[in-house]
């Protein structure tokens, strides 16, 4: 089993890179485990407090559970991946059963910030993108998918997303084995990554 970690700032194009990798390896050879599924369950705090959570801070993620699940997959065991809702800031009662696969891709903004999780990756990738391009994607995504107003998106960006990117996410780039500038539009960079994965598998 090959475990690939794909990090990068919010709106950098990580999801596009992951999708293009998945398209190359058919028949379920690639499974994707989003960091977002492992945000801590916040049912013990009020909805008002939940709205203030900084999802761009490492403390918001239950890295220990993600690491445990990767270890179980390596042993050949299936795991129950949580389902997290941005609308309620809670984990669902349901889970997704993940079976071991040839390639496991872990994708998320903070995955290279945790030393224990970093050590689980055979290949560490950082998807880099211009700050203005990332903001544009964040605005579009948060309004359409997460029901936020433009004002709320911009407020959150300036209060938490940008400061956390500079403090935690950007510095984690130094741990990457592969950096893909230009996000999901960098076809050459993606092809290089795919060739590295193929080489590891053979």
C-alpha atoms as a PDB file:
ATOM      1  CA  UNK A   1       0.000   0.000   0.000  1.00  0.00           C
ATOM      2  CA  UNK A   2       1.217   3.452  -0.987  1.00  0.00           C
ATOM      3  CA  UNK A   3       0.049   6.418   1.135  1.00  0.00           C
ATOM      4  CA  UNK A   4       0.222   9.826  -0.561  1.00  0.00           C
ATOM      5  CA  UNK A   5      -0.350  13.053   1.370  1.00  0.00           C
ATOM      6  CA  UNK A   6      -1.564  16.020  -0.679  1.00  0.00           C
ATOM      7  CA  UNK A   7      -1.539  19.348   1.166  1.00  0.00           C
ATOM      8  CA  UNK A   8      -1.910  22.986   0.139  1.00  0.00           C
ATOM      9  CA  UNK A   9      -3.841  26.092   1.091  1.00  0.00           C
ATOM     10  CA  UNK A  10      -7.607  26.425   0.999  1.00  0.00           C
ATOM     11  CA  UNK A  11      -8.678  26.744  -2.630  1.00  0.00           C
ATOM     12  CA  UNK A  12      -5.258  25.764  -4.008  1.00  0.00           C
ATOM     13  CA  UNK A  13      -6.618  23.030  -6.292  1.00  0.00           C
ATOM     14  CA  UNK A  14      -5.920  19.946  -4.160  1.00  0.00           C
ATOM     15  CA  UNK A  15      -9.267  18.374  -5.023  1.00  0.00           C
ATOM     16  CA  UNK A  16      -8.595  18.776  -8.758  1.00  0.00           C
ATOM     17  CA  UNK A  17      -5.170  17.136  -8.394  1.00  0.00           C
ATOM     18  CA  UNK A  18      -6.703  14.239  -6.435  1.00  0.00           C
ATOM     19  CA  UNK A  19      -9.459  13.786  -9.021  1.00  0.00           C
ATOM     20  CA  UNK A  20      -6.952  13.661 -11.890  1.00  0.00           C
ATOM     21  CA  UNK A  21      -4.888  11.055 -10.034  1.00  0.00           C
ATOM     22  CA  UNK A  22      -7.989   8.942  -9.384  1.00  0.00           C
ATOM     23  CA  UNK A  23      -8.924   9.043 -13.083  1.00  0.00           C
ATOM     24  CA  UNK A  24      -5.581   7.475 -14.029  1.00  0.00           C
ATOM     25  CA  UNK A  25      -5.920   4.505 -11.668  1.00  0.00           C
ATOM     26  CA  UNK A  26      -9.257   2.763 -12.379  1.00  0.00           C
ATOM     27  CA  UNK A  27     -10.994  -0.144 -10.644  1.00  0.00           C
ATOM     28  CA  UNK A  28     -10.884   1.422  -7.195  1.00  0.00           C
ATOM     29  CA  UNK A  29      -7.093   1.298  -6.930  1.00  0.00           C
ATOM     30  CA  UNK A  30      -7.130   4.754  -5.304  1.00  0.00           C
ATOM     31  CA  UNK A  31      -9.114   5.672  -2.205  1.00  0.00           C
ATOM     32  CA  UNK A  32      -9.265   9.229  -0.901  1.00  0.00           C
ATOM     33  CA  UNK A  33      -9.397  10.131   2.791  1.00  0.00           C
ATOM     34  CA  UNK A  34     -10.084  13.867   3.217  1.00  0.00           C
ATOM     35  CA  UNK A  35      -8.685  15.592   6.277  1.00  0.00           C
ATOM     36  CA  UNK A  36     -12.090  17.323   6.514  1.00  0.00           C
ATOM     37  CA  UNK A  37     -13.663  14.021   7.598  1.00  0.00           C
ATOM     38  CA  UNK A  38     -11.450  14.072  10.697  1.00  0.00           C
ATOM     39  CA  UNK A  39     -12.394  17.456  12.125  1.00  0.00           C
ATOM     40  CA  UNK A  40     -13.143  16.999  15.816  1.00  0.00           C
ATOM     41  CA  UNK A  41     -16.735  16.347  16.804  1.00  0.00           C
ATOM     42  CA  UNK A  42     -18.032  19.500  18.479  1.00  0.00           C
ATOM     43  CA  UNK A  43     -21.415  18.356  19.747  1.00  0.00           C
ATOM     44  CA  UNK A  44     -20.478  19.291  23.312  1.00  0.00           C
ATOM     45  CA  UNK A  45     -20.338  23.027  22.573  1.00  0.00           C
ATOM     46  CA  UNK A  46     -23.107  25.426  21.564  1.00  0.00           C
ATOM     47  CA  UNK A  47     -23.927  26.189  17.935  1.00  0.00           C
ATOM     48  CA  UNK A  48     -22.736  29.770  18.533  1.00  0.00           C
ATOM     49  CA  UNK A  49     -19.343  28.522  19.715  1.00  0.00           C
ATOM     50  CA  UNK A  50     -19.142  26.067  16.817  1.00  0.00           C
ATOM     51  CA  UNK A  51     -19.513  28.912  14.338  1.00  0.00           C
ATOM     52  CA  UNK A  52     -16.325  30.450  15.763  1.00  0.00           C
ATOM     53  CA  UNK A  53     -14.149  27.353  15.248  1.00  0.00           C
ATOM     54  CA  UNK A  54     -10.973  27.998  13.249  1.00  0.00           C
ATOM     55  CA  UNK A  55     -10.925  25.066  10.807  1.00  0.00           C
ATOM     56  CA  UNK A  56      -7.537  26.225   9.520  1.00  0.00           C
ATOM     57  CA  UNK A  57      -5.823  25.543  12.866  1.00  0.00           C
ATOM     58  CA  UNK A  58      -4.197  22.138  13.546  1.00  0.00           C
ATOM     59  CA  UNK A  59      -6.078  21.866  16.856  1.00  0.00           C
ATOM     60  CA  UNK A  60      -9.351  21.454  14.931  1.00  0.00           C
ATOM     61  CA  UNK A  61      -8.295  18.078  13.480  1.00  0.00           C
ATOM     62  CA  UNK A  62      -8.277  14.691  15.233  1.00  0.00           C
ATOM     63  CA  UNK A  63      -4.943  13.598  13.745  1.00  0.00           C
ATOM     64  CA  UNK A  64      -4.675  10.642  16.139  1.00  0.00           C
ATOM     65  CA  UNK A  65      -7.790   8.996  14.659  1.00  0.00           C
ATOM     66  CA  UNK A  66      -6.588   9.553  11.092  1.00  0.00           C
ATOM     67  CA  UNK A  67      -3.199   8.025  11.940  1.00  0.00           C
ATOM     68  CA  UNK A  68      -4.901   5.056  13.624  1.00  0.00           C
ATOM     69  CA  UNK A  69      -7.051   4.475  10.533  1.00  0.00           C
ATOM     70  CA  UNK A  70      -4.042   4.572   8.202  1.00  0.00           C
ATOM     71  CA  UNK A  71      -2.244   2.034  10.392  1.00  0.00           C
ATOM     72  CA  UNK A  72      -5.270  -0.282  10.276  1.00  0.00           C
ATOM     73  CA  UNK A  73      -5.468   0.001   6.480  1.00  0.00           C
ATOM     74  CA  UNK A  74      -1.767  -0.874   6.249  1.00  0.00           C
ATOM     75  CA  UNK A  75      -2.512  -4.011   8.265  1.00  0.00           C
ATOM     76  CA  UNK A  76      -5.184  -4.938   5.730  1.00  0.00           C
ATOM     77  CA  UNK A  77      -8.170  -4.009   7.905  1.00  0.00           C
ATOM     78  CA  UNK A  78     -11.119  -1.834   6.889  1.00  0.00           C
ATOM     79  CA  UNK A  79     -11.927   1.352   8.848  1.00  0.00           C
ATOM     80  CA  UNK A  80     -15.021   3.504   9.440  1.00  0.00           C
ATOM     81  CA  UNK A  81     -14.240   7.030   8.234  1.00  0.00           C
ATOM     82  CA  UNK A  82     -16.291   9.800   9.890  1.00  0.00           C
ATOM     83  CA  UNK A  83     -18.629  12.064   7.927  1.00  0.00           C
ATOM     84  CA  UNK A  84     -18.351  15.722   8.922  1.00  0.00           C
ATOM     85  CA  UNK A  85     -20.840  18.493   8.193  1.00  0.00           C
ATOM     86  CA  UNK A  86     -19.703  22.092   7.787  1.00  0.00           C
ATOM     87  CA  UNK A  87     -23.294  23.247   8.183  1.00  0.00           C
ATOM     88  CA  UNK A  88     -23.682  21.822  11.708  1.00  0.00           C
ATOM     89  CA  UNK A  89     -19.953  21.484  12.617  1.00  0.00           C
ATOM     90  CA  UNK A  90     -20.750  17.952  13.804  1.00  0.00           C
ATOM     91  CA  UNK A  91     -19.934  14.402  12.812  1.00  0.00           C
ATOM     92  CA  UNK A  92     -22.777  12.360  11.416  1.00  0.00           C
ATOM     93  CA  UNK A  93     -23.955   9.188  13.121  1.00  0.00           C
ATOM     94  CA  UNK A  94     -23.169   7.398   9.847  1.00  0.00           C
ATOM     95  CA  UNK A  95     -19.640   6.524   8.681  1.00  0.00           C
ATOM     96  CA  UNK A  96     -18.055   5.459   5.393  1.00  0.00           C
ATOM     97  CA  UNK A  97     -16.415   2.036   5.260  1.00  0.00           C
ATOM     98  CA  UNK A  98     -12.927   2.304   3.732  1.00  0.00           C
ATOM     99  CA  UNK A  99     -11.288  -0.877   2.484  1.00  0.00           C
ATOM    100  CA  UNK A 100      -7.504  -1.250   1.987  1.00  0.00           C
ATOM    101  CA  UNK A 101      -6.341  -0.265  -1.496  1.00  0.00           C
ATOM    102  CA  UNK A 102      -3.134  -0.044  -3.543  1.00  0.00           C
ATOM    103  CA  UNK A 103      -3.050   3.745  -3.179  1.00  0.00           C
ATOM    104  CA  UNK A 104      -4.456   5.805  -0.313  1.00  0.00           C
ATOM    105  CA  UNK A 105      -4.542   9.570  -0.864  1.00  0.00           C
ATOM    106  CA  UNK A 106      -4.902  11.750   2.230  1.00  0.00           C
ATOM    107  CA  UNK A 107      -5.885  15.278   1.202  1.00  0.00           C
ATOM    108  CA  UNK A 108      -6.142  18.408   3.346  1.00  0.00           C
ATOM    109  CA  UNK A 109      -4.738  21.796   4.216  1.00  0.00           C
ATOM    110  CA  UNK A 110      -3.078  20.769   7.502  1.00  0.00           C
ATOM    111  CA  UNK A 111      -1.860  17.223   6.873  1.00  0.00           C
ATOM    112  CA  UNK A 112       1.838  18.167   6.673  1.00  0.00           C
ATOM    113  CA  UNK A 113       1.717  20.118   9.956  1.00  0.00           C
ATOM    114  CA  UNK A 114       1.492  17.003  12.143  1.00  0.00           C
ATOM    115  CA  UNK A 115       4.768  15.034  12.531  1.00  0.00           C
ATOM    116  CA  UNK A 116       3.046  11.719  13.265  1.00  0.00           C
ATOM    117  CA  UNK A 117       0.826  11.961  10.205  1.00  0.00           C
ATOM    118  CA  UNK A 118       3.720  13.125   8.001  1.00  0.00           C
ATOM    119  CA  UNK A 119       5.612   9.980   8.926  1.00  0.00           C
ATOM    120  CA  UNK A 120       2.754   7.860   7.539  1.00  0.00           C
ATOM    121  CA  UNK A 121       3.171   9.260   4.021  1.00  0.00           C
ATOM    122  CA  UNK A 122       5.332   7.567   1.395  1.00  0.00           C
ATOM    123  CA  UNK A 123       5.013  10.662  -0.829  1.00  0.00           C
ATOM    124  CA  UNK A 124       4.344  14.174   0.475  1.00  0.00           C
ATOM    125  CA  UNK A 125       2.876  16.701  -1.986  1.00  0.00           C
ATOM    126  CA  UNK A 126       2.132  20.419  -1.657  1.00  0.00           C
ATOM    127  CA  UNK A 127      -0.219  22.044  -4.161  1.00  0.00           C
ATOM    128  CA  UNK A 128       0.806  25.694  -4.422  1.00  0.00           C
ATOM    129  CA  UNK A 129      -1.337  28.507  -5.795  1.00  0.00           C
ATOM    130  CA  UNK A 130      -1.460  32.299  -5.856  1.00  0.00           C
ATOM    131  CA  UNK A 131      -3.307  33.820  -2.876  1.00  0.00           C
ATOM    132  CA  UNK A 132      -5.772  35.739  -5.085  1.00  0.00           C
ATOM    133  CA  UNK A 133      -6.628  32.594  -7.043  1.00  0.00           C
ATOM    134  CA  UNK A 134      -7.203  30.685  -3.808  1.00  0.00           C
ATOM    135  CA  UNK A 135      -9.464  33.420  -2.418  1.00  0.00           C
ATOM    136  CA  UNK A 136     -11.566  33.387  -5.595  1.00  0.00           C
ATOM    137  CA  UNK A 137     -12.111  29.634  -5.292  1.00  0.00           C
ATOM    138  CA  UNK A 138     -12.885  29.911  -1.570  1.00  0.00           C
ATOM    139  CA  UNK A 139     -15.550  32.565  -2.207  1.00  0.00           C
ATOM    140  CA  UNK A 140     -17.205  30.459  -4.899  1.00  0.00           C
ATOM    141  CA  UNK A 141     -17.076  27.222  -2.886  1.00  0.00           C
ATOM    142  CA  UNK A 142     -18.234  28.623   0.462  1.00  0.00           C
ATOM    143  CA  UNK A 143     -21.193  30.469  -1.026  1.00  0.00           C
ATOM    144  CA  UNK A 144     -22.376  27.541  -3.176  1.00  0.00           C
ATOM    145  CA  UNK A 145     -21.482  24.532  -1.004  1.00  0.00           C
ATOM    146  CA  UNK A 146     -21.516  25.894   2.550  1.00  0.00           C
ATOM    147  CA  UNK A 147     -24.298  28.459   2.380  1.00  0.00           C
ATOM    148  CA  UNK A 148     -22.190  31.412   3.503  1.00  0.00           C
ATOM    149  CA  UNK A 149     -22.666  35.026   2.446  1.00  0.00           C
ATOM    150  CA  UNK A 150     -19.900  36.923   0.649  1.00  0.00           C
ATOM    151  CA  UNK A 151     -19.442  39.112   3.725  1.00  0.00           C
ATOM    152  CA  UNK A 152     -19.043  36.084   6.006  1.00  0.00           C
ATOM    153  CA  UNK A 153     -16.575  34.423   3.612  1.00  0.00           C
ATOM    154  CA  UNK A 154     -14.383  37.540   3.438  1.00  0.00           C
ATOM    155  CA  UNK A 155     -14.588  38.072   7.201  1.00  0.00           C
ATOM    156  CA  UNK A 156     -13.526  34.477   7.844  1.00  0.00           C
ATOM    157  CA  UNK A 157     -10.756  34.719   5.252  1.00  0.00           C
ATOM    158  CA  UNK A 158      -9.170  37.767   6.881  1.00  0.00           C
ATOM    159  CA  UNK A 159      -9.768  36.633  10.490  1.00  0.00           C
ATOM    160  CA  UNK A 160      -8.683  32.980  10.315  1.00  0.00           C
ATOM    161  CA  UNK A 161      -7.937  31.571   6.841  1.00  0.00           C
ATOM    162  CA  UNK A 162      -5.158  33.967   5.826  1.00  0.00           C
ATOM    163  CA  UNK A 163      -3.404  34.162   9.246  1.00  0.00           C
ATOM    164  CA  UNK A 164      -3.532  30.364   9.671  1.00  0.00           C
ATOM    165  CA  UNK A 165      -2.244  29.838   6.141  1.00  0.00           C
ATOM    166  CA  UNK A 166       0.792  32.009   6.884  1.00  0.00           C
ATOM    167  CA  UNK A 167       1.364  30.469  10.333  1.00  0.00           C
ATOM    168  CA  UNK A 168       0.764  26.765   9.681  1.00  0.00           C
ATOM    169  CA  UNK A 169       0.094  25.783   6.078  1.00  0.00           C
ATOM    170  CA  UNK A 170       2.679  27.739   4.075  1.00  0.00           C
ATOM    171  CA  UNK A 171       5.554  26.680   6.411  1.00  0.00           C
ATOM    172  CA  UNK A 172       4.539  23.005   6.027  1.00  0.00           C
ATOM    173  CA  UNK A 173       5.515  23.224   2.348  1.00  0.00           C
ATOM    174  CA  UNK A 174       9.122  22.578   3.342  1.00  0.00           C
ATOM    175  CA  UNK A 175       8.235  18.976   4.215  1.00  0.00           C
ATOM    176  CA  UNK A 176       6.939  18.211   0.705  1.00  0.00           C
ATOM    177  CA  UNK A 177       8.758  15.840  -1.652  1.00  0.00           C
ATOM    178  CA  UNK A 178       6.846  17.294  -4.614  1.00  0.00           C
ATOM    179  CA  UNK A 179       5.504  20.846  -5.038  1.00  0.00           C
ATOM    180  CA  UNK A 180       2.919  21.496  -7.770  1.00  0.00           C
ATOM    181  CA  UNK A 181       2.722  25.229  -8.544  1.00  0.00           C
ATOM    182  CA  UNK A 182      -0.404  26.578 -10.193  1.00  0.00           C
ATOM    183  CA  UNK A 183      -2.732  24.098  -8.513  1.00  0.00           C
ATOM    184  CA  UNK A 184      -4.930  21.803 -10.550  1.00  0.00           C
ATOM    185  CA  UNK A 185      -4.120  23.599 -13.809  1.00  0.00           C
ATOM    186  CA  UNK A 186      -0.518  22.358 -13.802  1.00  0.00           C
ATOM    187  CA  UNK A 187      -0.923  19.293 -16.001  1.00  0.00           C
ATOM    188  CA  UNK A 188       2.834  18.664 -16.252  1.00  0.00           C
ATOM    189  CA  UNK A 189       3.218  18.729 -12.463  1.00  0.00           C
ATOM    190  CA  UNK A 190       0.307  16.327 -12.054  1.00  0.00           C
ATOM    191  CA  UNK A 191       1.751  13.959 -14.673  1.00  0.00           C
ATOM    192  CA  UNK A 192       5.103  13.987 -12.833  1.00  0.00           C
ATOM    193  CA  UNK A 193       3.309  13.058  -9.605  1.00  0.00           C
ATOM    194  CA  UNK A 194       1.370  10.282 -11.351  1.00  0.00           C
ATOM    195  CA  UNK A 195       4.596   8.861 -12.787  1.00  0.00           C
ATOM    196  CA  UNK A 196       6.158   8.857  -9.293  1.00  0.00           C
ATOM    197  CA  UNK A 197       3.134   6.972  -7.931  1.00  0.00           C
ATOM    198  CA  UNK A 198       3.286   4.466 -10.784  1.00  0.00           C
ATOM    199  CA  UNK A 199       7.004   3.907 -10.147  1.00  0.00           C
ATOM    200  CA  UNK A 200       6.347   3.216  -6.451  1.00  0.00           C
ATOM    201  CA  UNK A 201       3.610   0.755  -7.316  1.00  0.00           C
ATOM    202  CA  UNK A 202       5.805  -1.239  -9.678  1.00  0.00           C
END
